[in-house]
């Protein structure tokens, strides 16, 4: 029985760590959806700049390269229409996202960019 308690604590700590270890870099807010652009802490070890994108409760995030050009690596749980939308956003904010990537790689604090679009 003590082993089960240890597993529950470990699972809780891992879940807490996962949430904490995803620095949000851009919140793109529309009337229909809030897109979260973020990095995983493990992205620090990757050389090619990229971002993960999803909305609330997205299990498998979309991964987008930011260099040399903006392109989808893995569409995750997003539909083709959603992928097209987040690619457009990533292209529009590419320079800001790349600046966030550089700060992230340098271990410097990142401020969340919040964009509200009303259509």
C-alpha atoms as a PDB file:
ATOM      1  CA  UNK A   1       0.000   0.000   0.000  1.00  0.00           C
ATOM      2  CA  UNK A   2       2.807   2.547   0.669  1.00  0.00           C
ATOM      3  CA  UNK A   3       4.047   1.994  -2.889  1.00  0.00           C
ATOM      4  CA  UNK A   4       0.663   3.118  -4.281  1.00  0.00           C
ATOM      5  CA  UNK A   5       0.910   6.302  -2.217  1.00  0.00           C
ATOM      6  CA  UNK A   6       4.361   7.011  -3.619  1.00  0.00           C
ATOM      7  CA  UNK A   7       3.089   6.484  -7.174  1.00  0.00           C
ATOM      8  CA  UNK A   8       0.183   8.888  -6.594  1.00  0.00           C
ATOM      9  CA  UNK A   9       2.564  11.550  -5.258  1.00  0.00           C
ATOM     10  CA  UNK A  10       4.945  11.032  -8.172  1.00  0.00           C
ATOM     11  CA  UNK A  11       2.099  11.248 -10.703  1.00  0.00           C
ATOM     12  CA  UNK A  12       0.903  14.512  -9.104  1.00  0.00           C
ATOM     13  CA  UNK A  13       4.440  15.957  -9.155  1.00  0.00           C
ATOM     14  CA  UNK A  14       4.915  14.970 -12.810  1.00  0.00           C
ATOM     15  CA  UNK A  15       1.604  16.566 -13.779  1.00  0.00           C
ATOM     16  CA  UNK A  16       2.534  19.748 -11.880  1.00  0.00           C
ATOM     17  CA  UNK A  17       5.975  19.716 -13.546  1.00  0.00           C
ATOM     18  CA  UNK A  18       4.470  19.336 -17.033  1.00  0.00           C
ATOM     19  CA  UNK A  19       2.254  22.385 -16.558  1.00  0.00           C
ATOM     20  CA  UNK A  20       5.104  24.446 -15.111  1.00  0.00           C
ATOM     21  CA  UNK A  21       7.574  23.341 -17.793  1.00  0.00           C
ATOM     22  CA  UNK A  22       5.612  24.751 -20.718  1.00  0.00           C
ATOM     23  CA  UNK A  23       6.409  28.457 -20.900  1.00  0.00           C
ATOM     24  CA  UNK A  24       3.605  30.175 -22.789  1.00  0.00           C
ATOM     25  CA  UNK A  25       4.966  32.726 -25.204  1.00  0.00           C
ATOM     26  CA  UNK A  26       1.928  33.907 -27.160  1.00  0.00           C
ATOM     27  CA  UNK A  27      -1.767  33.905 -26.351  1.00  0.00           C
ATOM     28  CA  UNK A  28      -3.800  34.638 -29.463  1.00  0.00           C
ATOM     29  CA  UNK A  29      -7.354  35.349 -28.406  1.00  0.00           C
ATOM     30  CA  UNK A  30     -10.281  35.393 -30.833  1.00  0.00           C
ATOM     31  CA  UNK A  31     -14.032  35.330 -30.267  1.00  0.00           C
ATOM     32  CA  UNK A  32     -14.028  31.577 -30.932  1.00  0.00           C
ATOM     33  CA  UNK A  33     -10.754  30.244 -29.524  1.00  0.00           C
ATOM     34  CA  UNK A  34      -7.645  31.037 -27.496  1.00  0.00           C
ATOM     35  CA  UNK A  35      -4.499  29.672 -29.135  1.00  0.00           C
ATOM     36  CA  UNK A  36      -1.606  28.911 -26.773  1.00  0.00           C
ATOM     37  CA  UNK A  37       1.858  29.073 -28.324  1.00  0.00           C
ATOM     38  CA  UNK A  38       4.464  27.583 -26.023  1.00  0.00           C
ATOM     39  CA  UNK A  39       7.815  25.892 -25.601  1.00  0.00           C
ATOM     40  CA  UNK A  40       8.514  22.667 -23.726  1.00  0.00           C
ATOM     41  CA  UNK A  41      11.454  22.906 -21.343  1.00  0.00           C
ATOM     42  CA  UNK A  42      13.033  20.009 -23.233  1.00  0.00           C
ATOM     43  CA  UNK A  43      12.978  22.196 -26.380  1.00  0.00           C
ATOM     44  CA  UNK A  44      16.023  23.892 -24.910  1.00  0.00           C
ATOM     45  CA  UNK A  45      18.119  21.022 -26.262  1.00  0.00           C
ATOM     46  CA  UNK A  46      16.820  21.384 -29.820  1.00  0.00           C
ATOM     47  CA  UNK A  47      18.671  23.734 -32.149  1.00  0.00           C
ATOM     48  CA  UNK A  48      15.958  24.509 -34.672  1.00  0.00           C
ATOM     49  CA  UNK A  49      13.518  27.183 -33.510  1.00  0.00           C
ATOM     50  CA  UNK A  50       9.976  25.913 -33.197  1.00  0.00           C
ATOM     51  CA  UNK A  51       6.811  26.367 -31.179  1.00  0.00           C
ATOM     52  CA  UNK A  52       4.011  24.111 -29.967  1.00  0.00           C
ATOM     53  CA  UNK A  53       0.433  25.280 -30.462  1.00  0.00           C
ATOM     54  CA  UNK A  54      -2.900  24.175 -29.095  1.00  0.00           C
ATOM     55  CA  UNK A  55      -6.029  25.336 -27.412  1.00  0.00           C
ATOM     56  CA  UNK A  56      -7.389  24.434 -23.998  1.00  0.00           C
ATOM     57  CA  UNK A  57      -7.648  20.670 -23.494  1.00  0.00           C
ATOM     58  CA  UNK A  58      -5.597  19.826 -26.594  1.00  0.00           C
ATOM     59  CA  UNK A  59      -3.811  16.575 -25.814  1.00  0.00           C
ATOM     60  CA  UNK A  60      -1.402  16.431 -28.774  1.00  0.00           C
ATOM     61  CA  UNK A  61      -0.087  19.881 -29.657  1.00  0.00           C
ATOM     62  CA  UNK A  62       0.796  21.033 -33.158  1.00  0.00           C
ATOM     63  CA  UNK A  63       4.541  21.603 -33.698  1.00  0.00           C
ATOM     64  CA  UNK A  64       5.640  24.375 -36.056  1.00  0.00           C
ATOM     65  CA  UNK A  65       9.163  25.162 -37.275  1.00  0.00           C
ATOM     66  CA  UNK A  66       9.960  28.881 -37.221  1.00  0.00           C
ATOM     67  CA  UNK A  67      13.110  28.596 -39.316  1.00  0.00           C
ATOM     68  CA  UNK A  68      14.241  28.651 -41.999  1.00  0.00           C
ATOM     69  CA  UNK A  69      10.560  29.129 -42.798  1.00  0.00           C
ATOM     70  CA  UNK A  70       7.298  28.601 -40.956  1.00  0.00           C
ATOM     71  CA  UNK A  71       6.037  25.062 -41.561  1.00  0.00           C
ATOM     72  CA  UNK A  72       4.179  22.302 -39.741  1.00  0.00           C
ATOM     73  CA  UNK A  73       6.184  19.421 -38.336  1.00  0.00           C
ATOM     74  CA  UNK A  74       3.273  17.626 -36.666  1.00  0.00           C
ATOM     75  CA  UNK A  75      -0.338  18.798 -36.807  1.00  0.00           C
ATOM     76  CA  UNK A  76      -1.205  17.083 -33.521  1.00  0.00           C
ATOM     77  CA  UNK A  77      -4.928  17.043 -32.721  1.00  0.00           C
ATOM     78  CA  UNK A  78      -5.668  20.081 -34.890  1.00  0.00           C
ATOM     79  CA  UNK A  79      -7.866  19.939 -37.972  1.00  0.00           C
ATOM     80  CA  UNK A  80      -6.538  21.090 -41.333  1.00  0.00           C
ATOM     81  CA  UNK A  81      -8.502  24.343 -40.984  1.00  0.00           C
ATOM     82  CA  UNK A  82      -7.012  24.954 -37.524  1.00  0.00           C
ATOM     83  CA  UNK A  83      -3.501  24.186 -38.795  1.00  0.00           C
ATOM     84  CA  UNK A  84      -3.968  26.745 -41.552  1.00  0.00           C
ATOM     85  CA  UNK A  85      -5.083  29.308 -38.946  1.00  0.00           C
ATOM     86  CA  UNK A  86      -2.141  28.735 -36.572  1.00  0.00           C
ATOM     87  CA  UNK A  87       0.333  28.758 -39.479  1.00  0.00           C
ATOM     88  CA  UNK A  88      -1.001  32.163 -40.486  1.00  0.00           C
ATOM     89  CA  UNK A  89      -0.609  33.421 -36.902  1.00  0.00           C
ATOM     90  CA  UNK A  90       2.907  31.952 -36.608  1.00  0.00           C
ATOM     91  CA  UNK A  91       3.896  33.605 -39.890  1.00  0.00           C
ATOM     92  CA  UNK A  92       2.477  36.956 -38.794  1.00  0.00           C
ATOM     93  CA  UNK A  93       4.286  36.853 -35.421  1.00  0.00           C
ATOM     94  CA  UNK A  94       7.369  34.931 -36.579  1.00  0.00           C
ATOM     95  CA  UNK A  95       9.895  37.622 -35.623  1.00  0.00           C
ATOM     96  CA  UNK A  96       8.429  37.984 -32.135  1.00  0.00           C
ATOM     97  CA  UNK A  97       8.330  34.212 -31.696  1.00  0.00           C
ATOM     98  CA  UNK A  98      11.977  33.962 -32.773  1.00  0.00           C
ATOM     99  CA  UNK A  99      12.919  36.655 -30.237  1.00  0.00           C
ATOM    100  CA  UNK A 100      11.103  34.635 -27.564  1.00  0.00           C
ATOM    101  CA  UNK A 101      13.037  31.530 -28.690  1.00  0.00           C
ATOM    102  CA  UNK A 102      16.357  33.361 -28.290  1.00  0.00           C
ATOM    103  CA  UNK A 103      15.411  34.537 -24.785  1.00  0.00           C
ATOM    104  CA  UNK A 104      14.339  30.988 -23.914  1.00  0.00           C
ATOM    105  CA  UNK A 105      17.617  29.516 -25.185  1.00  0.00           C
ATOM    106  CA  UNK A 106      19.591  32.131 -23.214  1.00  0.00           C
ATOM    107  CA  UNK A 107      17.680  31.249 -20.037  1.00  0.00           C
ATOM    108  CA  UNK A 108      16.204  34.733 -19.802  1.00  0.00           C
ATOM    109  CA  UNK A 109      12.653  35.499 -18.643  1.00  0.00           C
ATOM    110  CA  UNK A 110       9.934  35.417 -21.265  1.00  0.00           C
ATOM    111  CA  UNK A 111       6.938  37.734 -21.172  1.00  0.00           C
ATOM    112  CA  UNK A 112       3.743  36.375 -22.646  1.00  0.00           C
ATOM    113  CA  UNK A 113       2.593  38.240 -25.739  1.00  0.00           C
ATOM    114  CA  UNK A 114      -1.190  38.641 -25.620  1.00  0.00           C
ATOM    115  CA  UNK A 115      -3.063  39.410 -28.824  1.00  0.00           C
ATOM    116  CA  UNK A 116      -6.824  39.966 -28.899  1.00  0.00           C
ATOM    117  CA  UNK A 117      -8.453  39.841 -32.303  1.00  0.00           C
ATOM    118  CA  UNK A 118     -12.087  40.732 -32.801  1.00  0.00           C
ATOM    119  CA  UNK A 119     -13.599  39.834 -36.115  1.00  0.00           C
END
